[in-house]
Amino acid sequence: MKRVASLAVAVALALGTQQALALGLGQIQVKSALGQPLLAEIPLRFDNAKEAKSLHLAIASPADYRRAGISTNQMAIPLQFAVITTPDGGKAIRVTTADPVRDPYIDFLLDAGWANGKLIREYTVLLDPPGFASSAPVALPAPRTARLHTPPVPQPATPATPATTSSTSVPSSAMANSAGNGSYTVHSGDTLYAI
């Protein structure tokens, strides 16, 4: 009986996962600047072409904004959404405004509904002044890890004597190879210290 129940749960999860993956929304790519009408694109991926035809795009409801903890003041900016075909043949959502955008920061919830589901996703648009944007996209810095600050170790007044090396010595062939053309073939028993 347990086996049948676990099989039923697995099938239900597999079917639910397929529906959840029916629509994919990428990161927003802004193509306009501050003081200009907004022009941005969101890459779009469908698993089923029929679902693409039933796609409905809109700003999320005020209730959705409250649930997400986002101010509804951003809803005052009238955004238009349209599905377009990109030059590479893919699909994207074009986000536009009729009037120039004066606020450098726009935060909105996109409500994407189709025949078999609904997806609400938050997007944040940061607009640079005209002429400020660089020609190449800026890479985001890698996440930093916290480092502990350790005070510097005081140096002894007299130079330290070199430590004695272990009984393993560097083979003369290793020294000859490393000095030659700048490469060395690692052999069994070699250590990084010895190389």
Protein backbone atom coordinates (compact mmCIF):
# COMPACT_ATOMS: atom_id res chain seq x y z
CA MET A 1 0.00 0.00 0.00
CA LYS A 2 2.90 2.37 0.80
CA ARG A 3 4.41 1.73 -2.60
CA VAL A 4 1.17 2.67 -4.40
CA ALA A 5 0.81 5.85 -2.33
CA SER A 6 4.39 6.93 -2.97
CA LEU A 7 3.98 6.22 -6.70
CA ALA A 8 0.82 8.34 -6.78
CA VAL A 9 2.61 11.21 -5.03
CA ALA A 10 5.57 10.96 -7.42
CA VAL A 11 3.29 11.06 -10.47
CA ALA A 12 1.37 14.05 -9.08
CA LEU A 13 4.61 15.94 -8.40
CA ALA A 14 5.96 15.14 -11.85
CA LEU A 15 2.80 16.42 -13.53
CA GLY A 16 2.72 19.53 -11.36
CA THR A 17 6.35 20.25 -12.15
CA GLN A 18 5.71 20.11 -15.89
CA GLN A 19 3.00 22.73 -15.59
CA ALA A 20 5.19 24.91 -13.39
CA LEU A 21 7.95 24.89 -16.01
CA ALA A 22 5.62 25.79 -18.87
CA LEU A 23 6.68 29.47 -18.80
CA GLY A 24 10.09 30.95 -18.15
CA LEU A 25 10.82 34.64 -17.65
CA GLY A 26 14.40 35.91 -17.81
CA GLN A 27 16.11 39.00 -16.40
CA ILE A 28 14.92 42.38 -17.65
CA GLN A 29 17.22 44.13 -20.13
CA VAL A 30 16.78 47.92 -20.17
CA LYS A 31 17.39 49.63 -23.52
CA SER A 32 16.46 53.22 -22.60
CA ALA A 33 17.72 55.91 -20.24
CA LEU A 34 16.30 58.25 -17.63
CA GLY A 35 14.10 60.98 -19.15
CA GLN A 36 13.17 58.76 -22.11
CA PRO A 37 10.14 56.52 -22.63
CA LEU A 38 10.90 53.12 -21.10
CA LEU A 39 12.03 50.40 -23.48
CA ALA A 40 12.98 47.07 -21.93
CA GLU A 41 12.78 43.40 -22.85
CA ILE A 42 12.28 40.28 -20.78
CA PRO A 43 13.36 36.98 -22.42
CA LEU A 44 10.45 34.56 -22.62
CA ARG A 45 10.50 30.76 -22.88
CA PHE A 46 7.56 28.45 -23.45
CA ASP A 47 7.55 24.68 -23.39
CA ASN A 48 4.38 24.62 -25.49
CA ALA A 49 3.73 26.94 -28.46
CA LYS A 50 -0.04 26.75 -27.91
CA GLU A 51 0.38 28.29 -24.47
CA ALA A 52 2.28 31.22 -25.99
CA LYS A 53 -0.85 32.20 -27.90
CA SER A 54 -2.95 32.32 -24.73
CA LEU A 55 -0.45 34.49 -22.79
CA HIS A 56 -1.95 37.52 -21.02
CA LEU A 57 0.39 40.13 -19.55
CA ALA A 58 -0.53 42.86 -17.07
CA ILE A 59 0.58 44.67 -13.94
CA ALA A 60 -0.32 42.57 -10.89
CA SER A 61 -3.29 43.51 -8.73
CA PRO A 62 -2.99 45.75 -5.64
CA ALA A 63 -3.55 42.64 -3.49
CA ASP A 64 -0.51 40.99 -5.12
CA TYR A 65 1.55 44.10 -4.38
CA ARG A 66 0.51 44.01 -0.72
CA ARG A 67 1.38 40.30 -0.45
CA ALA A 68 4.81 41.00 -1.95
CA GLY A 69 5.37 43.97 0.35
CA ILE A 70 5.83 46.42 -2.52
CA SER A 71 4.45 49.96 -2.51
CA THR A 72 1.51 50.44 -4.87
CA ASN A 73 2.89 53.89 -5.82
CA GLN A 74 4.77 52.16 -8.64
CA MET A 75 1.44 51.12 -10.17
CA ALA A 76 0.90 54.77 -11.21
CA ILE A 77 3.40 54.35 -14.05
CA PRO A 78 1.41 53.03 -17.04
CA LEU A 79 3.41 50.14 -18.49
CA GLN A 80 2.51 48.39 -21.74
CA PHE A 81 3.50 44.80 -22.45
CA ALA A 82 3.76 43.05 -25.82
CA VAL A 83 5.20 39.69 -26.91
CA ILE A 84 7.78 40.17 -29.67
CA THR A 85 10.07 37.96 -31.72
CA THR A 86 13.75 38.72 -31.12
CA PRO A 87 16.34 38.85 -33.95
CA ASP A 88 17.60 35.39 -32.95
CA GLY A 89 14.08 33.93 -33.37
CA GLY A 90 13.25 33.71 -29.67
CA LYS A 91 10.39 35.40 -27.86
CA ALA A 92 10.52 38.30 -25.43
CA ILE A 93 8.17 40.60 -23.58
CA ARG A 94 8.66 44.24 -24.58
CA VAL A 95 7.94 46.63 -21.71
CA THR A 96 7.28 50.23 -22.74
CA THR A 97 5.81 53.52 -21.54
CA ALA A 98 4.30 56.26 -23.68
CA ASP A 99 5.74 59.09 -21.57
CA PRO A 100 9.34 59.70 -20.47
CA VAL A 101 10.26 58.11 -17.15
CA ARG A 102 11.46 60.64 -14.56
CA ASP A 103 12.09 58.21 -11.69
CA PRO A 104 15.45 56.36 -11.91
CA TYR A 105 13.97 53.36 -10.09
CA ILE A 106 10.88 51.37 -11.11
CA ASP A 107 9.74 48.29 -9.22
CA PHE A 108 6.78 46.37 -10.66
CA LEU A 109 5.07 43.00 -10.52
CA LEU A 110 4.40 41.34 -13.86
CA ASP A 111 1.33 39.09 -13.92
CA ALA A 112 1.73 36.53 -16.71
CA GLY A 113 -1.27 34.26 -17.17
CA TRP A 114 -1.82 31.54 -19.75
CA ALA A 115 -4.26 28.69 -20.32
CA ASN A 116 -2.71 26.35 -17.75
CA GLY A 117 -1.23 28.67 -15.17
CA LYS A 118 -0.23 32.02 -13.80
CA LEU A 119 3.11 33.51 -12.80
CA ILE A 120 3.76 36.74 -10.90
CA ARG A 121 7.32 38.01 -10.92
CA GLU A 122 8.92 41.15 -9.52
CA TYR A 123 11.16 43.27 -11.72
CA THR A 124 13.30 46.23 -10.73
CA VAL A 125 14.40 48.69 -13.40
CA LEU A 126 17.30 51.07 -12.74
CA LEU A 127 17.62 53.85 -15.31
CA ASP A 128 20.88 55.71 -15.91
CA PRO A 129 20.99 59.29 -17.23
CA PRO A 130 21.37 59.57 -21.04
CA GLY A 131 24.97 59.05 -22.15
CA PHE A 132 25.93 57.51 -18.81
CA ALA A 133 25.46 53.86 -19.78
CA SER A 134 28.60 52.12 -20.94
CA SER A 135 28.71 50.38 -24.31
CA ALA A 136 29.58 47.04 -22.72
CA PRO A 137 27.45 45.42 -20.04
CA VAL A 138 28.91 45.68 -16.58
CA ALA A 139 29.60 42.38 -14.85
CA LEU A 140 28.31 42.10 -11.33
CA PRO A 141 31.00 41.58 -8.71
CA ALA A 142 31.32 38.12 -7.26
CA PRO A 143 29.79 37.65 -3.84
CA ARG A 144 32.26 38.43 -1.09
CA THR A 145 32.87 36.30 1.93
CA ALA A 146 33.49 37.83 5.30
CA ARG A 147 37.13 37.90 6.29
CA LEU A 148 38.41 38.08 9.81
CA HIS A 149 40.92 40.82 10.50
CA THR A 150 44.07 39.43 12.05
CA PRO A 151 46.71 41.79 13.37
CA PRO A 152 50.05 41.61 11.55
CA VAL A 153 52.65 39.37 13.10
CA PRO A 154 55.65 41.38 14.36
CA GLN A 155 58.84 40.58 12.49
CA PRO A 156 61.84 39.44 14.55
CA ALA A 157 64.80 41.83 14.73
CA THR A 158 67.26 39.19 13.47
CA PRO A 159 66.64 37.30 10.26
CA ALA A 160 65.31 33.83 10.80
CA THR A 161 67.44 30.89 9.83
CA PRO A 162 66.00 28.79 7.05
CA ALA A 163 64.14 25.73 8.21
CA THR A 164 65.63 22.39 7.46
CA THR A 165 64.00 20.60 4.59
CA SER A 166 62.51 17.18 4.87
CA SER A 167 64.35 14.11 3.74
CA THR A 168 62.63 14.18 0.34
CA SER A 169 64.67 16.06 -2.19
CA VAL A 170 63.69 17.45 -5.53
CA PRO A 171 64.86 15.19 -8.32
CA SER A 172 67.40 16.86 -10.57
CA SER A 173 65.23 15.99 -13.57
CA ALA A 174 62.42 18.07 -12.05
CA MET A 175 64.73 21.05 -11.72
CA ALA A 176 65.95 20.61 -15.28
CA ASN A 177 62.42 20.33 -16.68
CA SER A 178 61.09 23.34 -14.78
CA ALA A 179 63.92 25.59 -15.94
CA GLY A 180 63.59 24.60 -19.58
CA ASN A 181 60.48 25.65 -21.47
CA GLY A 182 58.28 26.74 -18.55
CA SER A 183 56.32 23.51 -18.32
CA TYR A 184 56.74 20.41 -16.24
CA THR A 185 55.21 16.95 -16.49
CA VAL A 186 54.03 15.71 -13.12
CA HIS A 187 55.36 12.30 -12.10
CA SER A 188 54.22 9.91 -9.41
CA GLY A 189 55.43 11.06 -6.00
CA ASP A 190 55.85 14.73 -7.02
CA THR A 191 54.54 17.28 -4.58
CA LEU A 192 53.58 20.87 -5.24
CA TYR A 193 56.27 22.04 -2.87
CA ALA A 194 58.91 20.02 -4.71
CA ILE A 195 57.86 21.31 -8.11
